[in-house]
Amino acid sequence: MKKFIKAILIPVIIGGIVGLLIGPNIDYNSLIKPAFSPPSILFPIVWTILYILMGISYGILDNDNLITREIKNIYYIQLTFNALWSIIFFILKWRLISIIWIIILDILVIIMIIKMFKQKKIAGYLQIPYLIWILFATYLNLFIYILN
């Protein structure tokens, strides 16, 4: 149980810290956004759910002693890329660099899912909503850059 709690708390706390850092700098509502842009209130709700799923997925593998060095590395690298994307996009407002950054994040998450899936299918499946969301975020990032 301790492994699950730790696994869930790490991404949730990192996401919370990033949220506090970027909060005063979020300009999402003032940007010209593409079609299908969600309301800003949706983002913290979705991210909290995704961080919990991320932690559960990692916790399942950790609890079953299935965490390889590769999985641990890719997990924490993608988590770092995830956190830094928000800083690049919202604080630094480097919109073009944030597109490149999120594409790298997309690739990292795909690799992570494949590696987790090979260890235990449910761990990989639990990451699918995260992948879908960041692919959607990639679409938003790209069109926000183009439109602004």
N, C-alpha and C. Protein backbone atom coordinates (compact mmCIF):
# COMPACT_ATOMS: atom_id res chain seq x y z
N MET A 1 0.83 -1.20 0.00
CA MET A 1 0.00 0.00 0.00
C MET A 1 0.87 1.26 0.00
N LYS A 2 1.98 1.23 0.72
CA LYS A 2 2.88 2.39 0.76
C LYS A 2 3.41 2.73 -0.63
N LYS A 3 3.70 1.68 -1.41
CA LYS A 3 4.21 1.90 -2.77
C LYS A 3 3.17 2.62 -3.63
N PHE A 4 1.90 2.24 -3.48
CA PHE A 4 0.84 2.89 -4.26
C PHE A 4 0.67 4.35 -3.85
N ILE A 5 0.66 4.58 -2.56
CA ILE A 5 0.49 5.96 -2.07
C ILE A 5 1.64 6.83 -2.57
N LYS A 6 2.86 6.35 -2.44
CA LYS A 6 4.02 7.10 -2.91
C LYS A 6 3.94 7.32 -4.43
N ALA A 7 3.58 6.26 -5.15
CA ALA A 7 3.50 6.35 -6.61
C ALA A 7 2.45 7.36 -7.06
N ILE A 8 1.36 7.46 -6.33
CA ILE A 8 0.31 8.42 -6.68
C ILE A 8 0.70 9.83 -6.25
N LEU A 9 1.27 9.95 -5.06
CA LEU A 9 1.60 11.28 -4.54
C LEU A 9 2.68 11.99 -5.36
N ILE A 10 3.65 11.26 -5.87
CA ILE A 10 4.74 11.92 -6.61
C ILE A 10 4.22 12.72 -7.80
N PRO A 11 3.48 12.13 -8.74
CA PRO A 11 3.00 12.96 -9.86
C PRO A 11 1.98 14.02 -9.43
N VAL A 12 1.13 13.70 -8.45
CA VAL A 12 0.14 14.68 -8.00
C VAL A 12 0.84 15.88 -7.35
N ILE A 13 1.84 15.64 -6.53
CA ILE A 13 2.56 16.75 -5.89
C ILE A 13 3.34 17.56 -6.92
N ILE A 14 4.01 16.88 -7.85
CA ILE A 14 4.74 17.60 -8.90
C ILE A 14 3.77 18.47 -9.70
N GLY A 15 2.63 17.89 -10.08
CA GLY A 15 1.62 18.64 -10.83
C GLY A 15 1.10 19.82 -10.03
N GLY A 16 0.90 19.61 -8.73
CA GLY A 16 0.43 20.70 -7.86
C GLY A 16 1.43 21.83 -7.76
N ILE A 17 2.69 21.48 -7.62
CA ILE A 17 3.75 22.50 -7.53
C ILE A 17 3.83 23.29 -8.83
N VAL A 18 3.78 22.58 -9.94
CA VAL A 18 3.81 23.26 -11.24
C VAL A 18 2.60 24.17 -11.38
N GLY A 19 1.43 23.67 -10.96
CA GLY A 19 0.22 24.49 -11.01
C GLY A 19 0.36 25.77 -10.22
N LEU A 20 0.96 25.69 -9.04
CA LEU A 20 1.18 26.88 -8.22
C LEU A 20 2.17 27.84 -8.88
N LEU A 21 3.21 27.28 -9.50
CA LEU A 21 4.21 28.12 -10.17
C LEU A 21 3.64 28.85 -11.37
N ILE A 22 2.86 28.14 -12.16
CA ILE A 22 2.38 28.75 -13.41
C ILE A 22 1.09 29.54 -13.23
N GLY A 23 0.37 29.30 -12.13
CA GLY A 23 -0.94 29.93 -11.90
C GLY A 23 -1.02 31.39 -12.26
N PRO A 24 -0.12 32.23 -11.72
CA PRO A 24 -0.20 33.67 -12.02
C PRO A 24 0.15 34.02 -13.47
N ASN A 25 0.72 33.06 -14.20
CA ASN A 25 1.18 33.33 -15.56
C ASN A 25 0.29 32.72 -16.65
N ILE A 26 -0.76 32.03 -16.24
CA ILE A 26 -1.62 31.38 -17.23
C ILE A 26 -2.41 32.44 -17.99
N ASP A 27 -2.21 32.43 -19.30
CA ASP A 27 -2.89 33.40 -20.17
C ASP A 27 -3.82 32.69 -21.15
N TYR A 28 -4.21 31.49 -20.83
CA TYR A 28 -5.03 30.65 -21.72
C TYR A 28 -6.29 31.37 -22.19
N ASN A 29 -6.98 32.04 -21.27
CA ASN A 29 -8.25 32.70 -21.64
C ASN A 29 -8.06 33.90 -22.56
N SER A 30 -6.86 34.47 -22.60
CA SER A 30 -6.64 35.62 -23.46
C SER A 30 -6.09 35.24 -24.84
N LEU A 31 -5.82 33.97 -25.04
CA LEU A 31 -5.26 33.51 -26.31
C LEU A 31 -6.37 33.20 -27.32
N ILE A 32 -6.03 33.34 -28.58
CA ILE A 32 -6.92 32.88 -29.63
C ILE A 32 -6.71 31.37 -29.71
N LYS A 33 -7.80 30.63 -29.55
CA LYS A 33 -7.69 29.18 -29.47
C LYS A 33 -8.39 28.51 -30.65
N PRO A 34 -7.93 27.30 -30.97
CA PRO A 34 -8.56 26.57 -32.07
C PRO A 34 -9.92 26.00 -31.66
N ALA A 35 -10.61 25.46 -32.63
CA ALA A 35 -11.87 24.77 -32.35
C ALA A 35 -11.61 23.64 -31.37
N PHE A 36 -12.60 23.29 -30.63
CA PHE A 36 -12.54 22.19 -29.65
C PHE A 36 -11.66 22.50 -28.44
N SER A 37 -11.40 23.77 -28.20
CA SER A 37 -10.62 24.14 -27.01
C SER A 37 -11.52 24.05 -25.78
N PRO A 38 -11.06 23.31 -24.78
CA PRO A 38 -11.89 23.16 -23.58
C PRO A 38 -11.83 24.41 -22.70
N PRO A 39 -12.78 24.60 -21.82
CA PRO A 39 -12.73 25.72 -20.88
C PRO A 39 -11.57 25.49 -19.90
N SER A 40 -11.00 26.56 -19.43
CA SER A 40 -9.82 26.47 -18.57
C SER A 40 -10.07 25.70 -17.28
N ILE A 41 -11.29 25.69 -16.78
CA ILE A 41 -11.62 24.99 -15.54
C ILE A 41 -11.41 23.48 -15.67
N LEU A 42 -11.46 22.98 -16.90
CA LEU A 42 -11.31 21.54 -17.13
C LEU A 42 -9.88 21.04 -16.89
N PHE A 43 -8.89 21.89 -17.12
CA PHE A 43 -7.50 21.45 -17.07
C PHE A 43 -7.06 20.90 -15.71
N PRO A 44 -7.29 21.60 -14.60
CA PRO A 44 -6.84 21.02 -13.32
C PRO A 44 -7.58 19.73 -12.96
N ILE A 45 -8.81 19.61 -13.38
CA ILE A 45 -9.58 18.40 -13.10
C ILE A 45 -8.98 17.22 -13.88
N VAL A 46 -8.79 17.42 -15.17
CA VAL A 46 -8.24 16.36 -16.01
C VAL A 46 -6.83 15.99 -15.57
N TRP A 47 -6.00 16.99 -15.31
CA TRP A 47 -4.62 16.69 -14.91
C TRP A 47 -4.56 15.93 -13.59
N THR A 48 -5.41 16.26 -12.65
CA THR A 48 -5.42 15.52 -11.38
C THR A 48 -5.76 14.05 -11.63
N ILE A 49 -6.76 13.80 -12.44
CA ILE A 49 -7.13 12.42 -12.77
C ILE A 49 -5.98 11.71 -13.47
N LEU A 50 -5.35 12.38 -14.42
CA LEU A 50 -4.25 11.76 -15.16
C LEU A 50 -3.05 11.47 -14.27
N TYR A 51 -2.74 12.39 -13.36
CA TYR A 51 -1.62 12.14 -12.44
C TYR A 51 -1.93 10.96 -11.51
N ILE A 52 -3.17 10.84 -11.09
CA ILE A 52 -3.56 9.70 -10.25
C ILE A 52 -3.42 8.40 -11.04
N LEU A 53 -3.92 8.38 -12.28
CA LEU A 53 -3.78 7.19 -13.12
C LEU A 53 -2.32 6.85 -13.37
N MET A 54 -1.51 7.88 -13.60
CA MET A 54 -0.09 7.69 -13.81
C MET A 54 0.53 7.01 -12.59
N GLY A 55 0.19 7.50 -11.42
CA GLY A 55 0.71 6.94 -10.19
C GLY A 55 0.22 5.52 -9.94
N ILE A 56 -1.05 5.25 -10.22
CA ILE A 56 -1.59 3.90 -10.05
C ILE A 56 -0.84 2.93 -10.97
N SER A 57 -0.64 3.35 -12.21
CA SER A 57 0.06 2.52 -13.18
C SER A 57 1.46 2.16 -12.69
N TYR A 58 2.19 3.17 -12.25
CA TYR A 58 3.55 2.94 -11.75
C TYR A 58 3.50 2.10 -10.48
N GLY A 59 2.52 2.38 -9.63
CA GLY A 59 2.37 1.64 -8.38
C GLY A 59 2.08 0.16 -8.61
N ILE A 60 1.29 -0.15 -9.62
CA ILE A 60 1.00 -1.55 -9.94
C ILE A 60 2.30 -2.28 -10.27
N LEU A 61 3.11 -1.66 -11.12
CA LEU A 61 4.38 -2.28 -11.49
C LEU A 61 5.32 -2.38 -10.30
N ASP A 62 5.38 -1.32 -9.53
CA ASP A 62 6.27 -1.31 -8.37
C ASP A 62 5.83 -2.35 -7.35
N ASN A 63 4.55 -2.45 -7.11
CA ASN A 63 4.02 -3.40 -6.14
C ASN A 63 4.33 -4.85 -6.54
N ASP A 64 4.35 -5.10 -7.84
CA ASP A 64 4.65 -6.45 -8.35
C ASP A 64 6.14 -6.63 -8.67
N ASN A 65 6.96 -5.68 -8.24
CA ASN A 65 8.42 -5.71 -8.50
C ASN A 65 8.73 -5.84 -9.99
N LEU A 66 8.00 -5.10 -10.81
CA LEU A 66 8.18 -5.12 -12.26
C LEU A 66 8.79 -3.84 -12.80
N ILE A 67 9.25 -2.97 -11.92
CA ILE A 67 9.89 -1.72 -12.36
C ILE A 67 11.32 -2.03 -12.79
N THR A 68 11.56 -1.87 -14.07
CA THR A 68 12.93 -2.01 -14.57
C THR A 68 13.60 -0.64 -14.54
N ARG A 69 14.88 -0.63 -14.70
CA ARG A 69 15.62 0.65 -14.78
C ARG A 69 15.09 1.49 -15.94
N GLU A 70 14.80 0.82 -17.06
CA GLU A 70 14.26 1.52 -18.23
C GLU A 70 12.92 2.19 -17.93
N ILE A 71 12.03 1.46 -17.28
CA ILE A 71 10.71 2.01 -16.95
C ILE A 71 10.86 3.17 -15.97
N LYS A 72 11.67 2.99 -14.96
CA LYS A 72 11.87 4.06 -13.99
C LYS A 72 12.42 5.31 -14.67
N ASN A 73 13.42 5.13 -15.53
CA ASN A 73 14.02 6.27 -16.22
C ASN A 73 13.02 6.97 -17.13
N ILE A 74 12.32 6.21 -17.96
CA ILE A 74 11.38 6.84 -18.90
C ILE A 74 10.23 7.49 -18.15
N TYR A 75 9.79 6.89 -17.07
CA TYR A 75 8.70 7.45 -16.27
C TYR A 75 9.08 8.81 -15.71
N TYR A 76 10.24 8.88 -15.09
CA TYR A 76 10.65 10.15 -14.48
C TYR A 76 11.11 11.18 -15.51
N ILE A 77 11.64 10.74 -16.62
CA ILE A 77 11.99 11.68 -17.70
C ILE A 77 10.72 12.30 -18.27
N GLN A 78 9.71 11.48 -18.56
CA GLN A 78 8.47 12.05 -19.13
C GLN A 78 7.78 12.94 -18.11
N LEU A 79 7.85 12.58 -16.83
CA LEU A 79 7.24 13.41 -15.80
C LEU A 79 7.94 14.77 -15.73
N THR A 80 9.25 14.78 -15.89
CA THR A 80 10.01 16.02 -15.92
C THR A 80 9.66 16.85 -17.15
N PHE A 81 9.58 16.19 -18.31
CA PHE A 81 9.20 16.90 -19.53
C PHE A 81 7.80 17.48 -19.40
N ASN A 82 6.91 16.73 -18.78
CA ASN A 82 5.54 17.18 -18.55
C ASN A 82 5.55 18.46 -17.72
N ALA A 83 6.26 18.44 -16.61
CA ALA A 83 6.30 19.60 -15.71
C ALA A 83 6.94 20.81 -16.39
N LEU A 84 8.02 20.57 -17.11
CA LEU A 84 8.73 21.69 -17.74
C LEU A 84 7.96 22.28 -18.92
N TRP A 85 7.13 21.47 -19.57
CA TRP A 85 6.32 22.01 -20.67
C TRP A 85 5.48 23.18 -20.18
N SER A 86 4.84 23.03 -19.03
CA SER A 86 3.98 24.10 -18.50
C SER A 86 4.76 25.37 -18.25
N ILE A 87 5.97 25.23 -17.76
CA ILE A 87 6.83 26.39 -17.50
C ILE A 87 7.23 27.04 -18.82
N ILE A 88 7.60 26.23 -19.79
CA ILE A 88 8.00 26.76 -21.11
C ILE A 88 6.82 27.48 -21.76
N PHE A 89 5.63 26.88 -21.70
CA PHE A 89 4.47 27.44 -22.38
C PHE A 89 3.89 28.65 -21.65
N PHE A 90 3.70 28.54 -20.33
CA PHE A 90 2.97 29.58 -19.61
C PHE A 90 3.86 30.66 -18.98
N ILE A 91 4.99 30.28 -18.43
CA ILE A 91 5.84 31.29 -17.78
C ILE A 91 6.76 31.95 -18.80
N LEU A 92 7.49 31.13 -19.56
CA LEU A 92 8.44 31.69 -20.54
C LEU A 92 7.74 32.14 -21.82
N LYS A 93 6.57 31.57 -22.09
CA LYS A 93 5.77 31.88 -23.28
C LYS A 93 6.55 31.60 -24.57
N TRP A 94 7.36 30.57 -24.53
CA TRP A 94 8.10 30.11 -25.70
C TRP A 94 7.23 29.10 -26.43
N ARG A 95 6.27 29.59 -27.16
CA ARG A 95 5.25 28.74 -27.78
C ARG A 95 5.82 27.78 -28.82
N LEU A 96 6.76 28.23 -29.64
CA LEU A 96 7.34 27.34 -30.65
C LEU A 96 8.17 26.24 -29.98
N ILE A 97 8.98 26.60 -29.01
CA ILE A 97 9.78 25.60 -28.30
C ILE A 97 8.85 24.63 -27.56
N SER A 98 7.74 25.14 -27.05
CA SER A 98 6.82 24.25 -26.34
C SER A 98 6.20 23.21 -27.28
N ILE A 99 6.06 23.53 -28.56
CA ILE A 99 5.56 22.54 -29.53
C ILE A 99 6.57 21.40 -29.67
N ILE A 100 7.82 21.76 -29.85
CA ILE A 100 8.88 20.75 -29.96
C ILE A 100 8.94 19.92 -28.68
N TRP A 101 8.85 20.62 -27.54
CA TRP A 101 8.92 19.96 -26.23
C TRP A 101 7.78 18.94 -26.06
N ILE A 102 6.56 19.34 -26.43
CA ILE A 102 5.43 18.44 -26.23
C ILE A 102 5.45 17.27 -27.22
N ILE A 103 6.02 17.47 -28.38
CA ILE A 103 6.17 16.34 -29.31
C ILE A 103 7.15 15.32 -28.71
N ILE A 104 8.21 15.81 -28.10
CA ILE A 104 9.14 14.90 -27.41
C ILE A 104 8.41 14.18 -26.28
N LEU A 105 7.58 14.92 -25.54
CA LEU A 105 6.78 14.31 -24.47
C LEU A 105 5.86 13.22 -25.04
N ASP A 106 5.22 13.50 -26.16
CA ASP A 106 4.36 12.50 -26.80
C ASP A 106 5.14 11.20 -27.04
N ILE A 107 6.32 11.34 -27.59
CA ILE A 107 7.17 10.19 -27.91
C ILE A 107 7.57 9.45 -26.63
N LEU A 108 7.97 10.21 -25.62
CA LEU A 108 8.36 9.59 -24.35
C LEU A 108 7.20 8.80 -23.74
N VAL A 109 6.01 9.36 -23.80
CA VAL A 109 4.85 8.67 -23.22
C VAL A 109 4.52 7.41 -24.01
N ILE A 110 4.64 7.46 -25.32
CA ILE A 110 4.40 6.25 -26.12
C ILE A 110 5.41 5.16 -25.74
N ILE A 111 6.67 5.54 -25.62
CA ILE A 111 7.70 4.58 -25.21
C ILE A 111 7.37 4.02 -23.82
N MET A 112 6.99 4.90 -22.90
CA MET A 112 6.65 4.47 -21.54
C MET A 112 5.50 3.48 -21.56
N ILE A 113 4.46 3.78 -22.32
CA ILE A 113 3.30 2.89 -22.40
C ILE A 113 3.72 1.51 -22.92
N ILE A 114 4.52 1.49 -23.96
CA ILE A 114 4.96 0.21 -24.53
C ILE A 114 5.74 -0.60 -23.50
N LYS A 115 6.65 0.06 -22.80
CA LYS A 115 7.46 -0.64 -21.81
C LYS A 115 6.62 -1.13 -20.63
N MET A 116 5.69 -0.30 -20.18
CA MET A 116 4.80 -0.71 -19.08
C MET A 116 3.89 -1.86 -19.52
N PHE A 117 3.36 -1.75 -20.73
CA PHE A 117 2.46 -2.76 -21.26
C PHE A 117 3.15 -4.13 -21.32
N LYS A 118 4.43 -4.12 -21.69
CA LYS A 118 5.18 -5.39 -21.76
C LYS A 118 5.35 -6.03 -20.39
N GLN A 119 5.38 -5.20 -19.35
CA GLN A 119 5.53 -5.74 -18.00
C GLN A 119 4.19 -6.20 -17.44
N LYS A 120 3.17 -5.38 -17.63
CA LYS A 120 1.84 -5.71 -17.14
C LYS A 120 0.85 -4.85 -17.94
N LYS A 121 -0.01 -5.49 -18.69
CA LYS A 121 -0.90 -4.80 -19.62
C LYS A 121 -1.70 -3.67 -18.97
N ILE A 122 -2.26 -3.91 -17.80
CA ILE A 122 -3.10 -2.88 -17.15
C ILE A 122 -2.30 -1.61 -16.89
N ALA A 123 -1.02 -1.75 -16.57
CA ALA A 123 -0.18 -0.56 -16.32
C ALA A 123 -0.05 0.27 -17.59
N GLY A 124 0.07 -0.38 -18.72
CA GLY A 124 0.12 0.34 -19.99
C GLY A 124 -1.22 0.96 -20.35
N TYR A 125 -2.30 0.19 -20.17
CA TYR A 125 -3.64 0.69 -20.49
C TYR A 125 -4.01 1.92 -19.67
N LEU A 126 -3.59 1.96 -18.42
CA LEU A 126 -3.92 3.10 -17.56
C LEU A 126 -3.27 4.40 -18.04
N GLN A 127 -2.27 4.30 -18.90
CA GLN A 127 -1.59 5.48 -19.43
C GLN A 127 -2.23 6.01 -20.72
N ILE A 128 -3.15 5.24 -21.31
CA ILE A 128 -3.77 5.65 -22.57
C ILE A 128 -4.51 6.99 -22.45
N PRO A 129 -5.29 7.25 -21.40
CA PRO A 129 -5.94 8.57 -21.29
C PRO A 129 -4.92 9.72 -21.26
N TYR A 130 -3.80 9.49 -20.62
CA TYR A 130 -2.71 10.48 -20.57
C TYR A 130 -2.20 10.76 -21.98
N LEU A 131 -1.95 9.70 -22.74
CA LEU A 131 -1.47 9.88 -24.11
C LEU A 131 -2.49 10.65 -24.94
N ILE A 132 -3.74 10.28 -24.83
CA ILE A 132 -4.80 10.97 -25.60
C ILE A 132 -4.83 12.46 -25.22
N TRP A 133 -4.74 12.75 -23.94
CA TRP A 133 -4.79 14.14 -23.48
C TRP A 133 -3.59 14.94 -23.97
N ILE A 134 -2.39 14.36 -23.91
CA ILE A 134 -1.24 15.15 -24.36
C ILE A 134 -1.20 15.27 -25.89
N LEU A 135 -1.77 14.31 -26.59
CA LEU A 135 -1.89 14.49 -28.04
C LEU A 135 -2.87 15.63 -28.34
N PHE A 136 -3.94 15.71 -27.57
CA PHE A 136 -4.87 16.82 -27.69
C PHE A 136 -4.17 18.14 -27.31
N ALA A 137 -3.36 18.10 -26.27
CA ALA A 137 -2.60 19.29 -25.86
C ALA A 137 -1.62 19.70 -26.96
N THR A 138 -1.08 18.73 -27.68
CA THR A 138 -0.17 19.03 -28.80
C THR A 138 -0.93 19.80 -29.87
N TYR A 139 -2.13 19.35 -30.18
CA TYR A 139 -3.01 20.04 -31.13
C TYR A 139 -3.27 21.48 -30.66
N LEU A 140 -3.64 21.64 -29.39
CA LEU A 140 -3.90 22.97 -28.85
C LEU A 140 -2.66 23.85 -28.93
N ASN A 141 -1.52 23.30 -28.52
CA ASN A 141 -0.26 24.04 -28.51
C ASN A 141 0.08 24.53 -29.92
N LEU A 142 -0.01 23.64 -30.89
CA LEU A 142 0.32 23.98 -32.26
C LEU A 142 -0.59 25.10 -32.79
N PHE A 143 -1.88 24.96 -32.59
CA PHE A 143 -2.80 25.96 -33.13
C PHE A 143 -2.80 27.26 -32.34
N ILE A 144 -2.52 27.20 -31.06
CA ILE A 144 -2.36 28.44 -30.31
C ILE A 144 -1.14 29.20 -30.84
N TYR A 145 -0.08 28.49 -31.14
CA TYR A 145 1.11 29.15 -31.73
C TYR A 145 0.76 29.78 -33.07
N ILE A 146 0.07 29.03 -33.92
CA ILE A 146 -0.28 29.53 -35.26
C ILE A 146 -1.22 30.72 -35.18
N LEU A 147 -2.23 30.66 -34.31
CA LEU A 147 -3.25 31.69 -34.23
C LEU A 147 -2.81 32.96 -33.47
N ASN A 148 -1.77 32.83 -32.68
CA ASN A 148 -1.33 33.97 -31.89
C ASN A 148 0.01 34.48 -32.38
